[in-house]
C-alpha atoms as a PDB file:
ATOM      1  CA  UNK A   1       0.000   0.000   0.000  1.00  0.00           C
ATOM      2  CA  UNK A   2       1.304   3.472  -0.857  1.00  0.00           C
ATOM      3  CA  UNK A   3       0.514   6.514   1.279  1.00  0.00           C
ATOM      4  CA  UNK A   4       1.675  10.106   0.875  1.00  0.00           C
ATOM      5  CA  UNK A   5       3.732  11.359   3.822  1.00  0.00           C
ATOM      6  CA  UNK A   6       1.266  14.178   4.535  1.00  0.00           C
ATOM      7  CA  UNK A   7      -1.590  11.664   4.697  1.00  0.00           C
ATOM      8  CA  UNK A   8       0.494   9.240   6.795  1.00  0.00           C
ATOM      9  CA  UNK A   9       0.930  11.870   9.514  1.00  0.00           C
ATOM     10  CA  UNK A  10      -2.819  11.909  10.066  1.00  0.00           C
ATOM     11  CA  UNK A  11      -3.130   8.086   9.971  1.00  0.00           C
ATOM     12  CA  UNK A  12       0.077   7.073  11.716  1.00  0.00           C
ATOM     13  CA  UNK A  13      -1.470   4.841  14.405  1.00  0.00           C
ATOM     14  CA  UNK A  14      -3.593   3.012  11.822  1.00  0.00           C
ATOM     15  CA  UNK A  15      -0.611   2.513   9.520  1.00  0.00           C
ATOM     16  CA  UNK A  16       1.413   1.045  12.388  1.00  0.00           C
ATOM     17  CA  UNK A  17      -1.463  -1.329  13.201  1.00  0.00           C
ATOM     18  CA  UNK A  18      -1.582  -2.471   9.568  1.00  0.00           C
ATOM     19  CA  UNK A  19       2.195  -2.969   9.483  1.00  0.00           C
ATOM     20  CA  UNK A  20       1.995  -5.093  12.653  1.00  0.00           C
ATOM     21  CA  UNK A  21      -0.614  -7.202  10.862  1.00  0.00           C
ATOM     22  CA  UNK A  22       1.923  -7.927   8.101  1.00  0.00           C
ATOM     23  CA  UNK A  23       1.182  -5.244   5.541  1.00  0.00           C
ATOM     24  CA  UNK A  24       4.060  -3.218   4.088  1.00  0.00           C
ATOM     25  CA  UNK A  25       3.252   0.487   3.953  1.00  0.00           C
ATOM     26  CA  UNK A  26       5.253   2.508   1.433  1.00  0.00           C
ATOM     27  CA  UNK A  27       5.513   6.227   2.134  1.00  0.00           C
ATOM     28  CA  UNK A  28       5.696   8.537  -0.869  1.00  0.00           C
ATOM     29  CA  UNK A  29       6.764  12.121  -1.455  1.00  0.00           C
ATOM     30  CA  UNK A  30       5.487  13.732  -4.663  1.00  0.00           C
ATOM     31  CA  UNK A  31       4.372  10.280  -5.786  1.00  0.00           C
ATOM     32  CA  UNK A  32       7.821   8.681  -5.395  1.00  0.00           C
ATOM     33  CA  UNK A  33       8.485   5.964  -2.775  1.00  0.00           C
ATOM     34  CA  UNK A  34      10.862   7.177  -0.044  1.00  0.00           C
ATOM     35  CA  UNK A  35      10.378   4.832   2.948  1.00  0.00           C
ATOM     36  CA  UNK A  36       8.579   1.712   4.196  1.00  0.00           C
ATOM     37  CA  UNK A  37       6.823   0.858   7.421  1.00  0.00           C
ATOM     38  CA  UNK A  38       6.996  -2.879   8.172  1.00  0.00           C
ATOM     39  CA  UNK A  39       6.598  -4.974  11.307  1.00  0.00           C
ATOM     40  CA  UNK A  40       9.813  -5.179  13.354  1.00  0.00           C
ATOM     41  CA  UNK A  41       9.916  -8.995  13.387  1.00  0.00           C
ATOM     42  CA  UNK A  42       9.625  -9.126   9.617  1.00  0.00           C
ATOM     43  CA  UNK A  43      12.934  -9.553   7.740  1.00  0.00           C
ATOM     44  CA  UNK A  44      13.816  -6.530   5.643  1.00  0.00           C
ATOM     45  CA  UNK A  45      15.571  -7.255   2.349  1.00  0.00           C
ATOM     46  CA  UNK A  46      18.643  -9.082   3.546  1.00  0.00           C
ATOM     47  CA  UNK A  47      21.024 -10.108   0.761  1.00  0.00           C
ATOM     48  CA  UNK A  48      21.286 -13.821   0.038  1.00  0.00           C
ATOM     49  CA  UNK A  49      24.890 -13.777  -1.173  1.00  0.00           C
ATOM     50  CA  UNK A  50      27.058 -15.487   1.414  1.00  0.00           C
ATOM     51  CA  UNK A  51      24.164 -16.470   3.668  1.00  0.00           C
ATOM     52  CA  UNK A  52      25.356 -20.108   3.893  1.00  0.00           C
ATOM     53  CA  UNK A  53      29.052 -19.324   4.186  1.00  0.00           C
ATOM     54  CA  UNK A  54      30.773 -21.847   6.446  1.00  0.00           C
ATOM     55  CA  UNK A  55      27.720 -24.125   6.698  1.00  0.00           C
ATOM     56  CA  UNK A  56      28.910 -26.679   4.159  1.00  0.00           C
ATOM     57  CA  UNK A  57      31.952 -27.558   2.100  1.00  0.00           C
ATOM     58  CA  UNK A  58      32.160 -28.451  -1.555  1.00  0.00           C
ATOM     59  CA  UNK A  59      33.516 -31.881  -2.460  1.00  0.00           C
ATOM     60  CA  UNK A  60      37.038 -31.957  -3.889  1.00  0.00           C
ATOM     61  CA  UNK A  61      35.801 -33.652  -7.070  1.00  0.00           C
ATOM     62  CA  UNK A  62      33.030 -31.140  -7.749  1.00  0.00           C
ATOM     63  CA  UNK A  63      34.616 -29.940 -10.971  1.00  0.00           C
ATOM     64  CA  UNK A  64      35.558 -33.412 -12.189  1.00  0.00           C
ATOM     65  CA  UNK A  65      32.812 -34.037 -14.680  1.00  0.00           C
ATOM     66  CA  UNK A  66      31.710 -35.995 -17.633  1.00  0.00           C
ATOM     67  CA  UNK A  67      33.884 -35.160 -20.659  1.00  0.00           C
ATOM     68  CA  UNK A  68      30.871 -35.232 -22.990  1.00  0.00           C
ATOM     69  CA  UNK A  69      29.015 -32.636 -20.912  1.00  0.00           C
ATOM     70  CA  UNK A  70      32.127 -30.451 -20.743  1.00  0.00           C
ATOM     71  CA  UNK A  71      32.398 -30.620 -24.542  1.00  0.00           C
ATOM     72  CA  UNK A  72      28.730 -29.607 -24.947  1.00  0.00           C
ATOM     73  CA  UNK A  73      29.259 -26.588 -22.699  1.00  0.00           C
ATOM     74  CA  UNK A  74      32.447 -25.651 -24.552  1.00  0.00           C
ATOM     75  CA  UNK A  75      30.594 -25.787 -27.889  1.00  0.00           C
ATOM     76  CA  UNK A  76      27.738 -23.617 -26.594  1.00  0.00           C
ATOM     77  CA  UNK A  77      30.092 -20.921 -25.298  1.00  0.00           C
ATOM     78  CA  UNK A  78      31.868 -20.587 -28.645  1.00  0.00           C
ATOM     79  CA  UNK A  79      28.728 -19.396 -30.459  1.00  0.00           C
END
């Protein structure tokens, strides 16, 4: 849901209640999004890169593959 900042000032308590219920409230200025109101326990856009770092290891033979498959990939990259 998008709400202009000026309007949000008048409805702040209601917007907080809606955010607690799981709704994301996007605040806008001159029609452009500038901020979000979300529930505190809700994760906010955390990057996924590196999230499993140190939780598993790759096998030593991971890159030892089938020669035929390697040839197919090599042919497709030369196009």
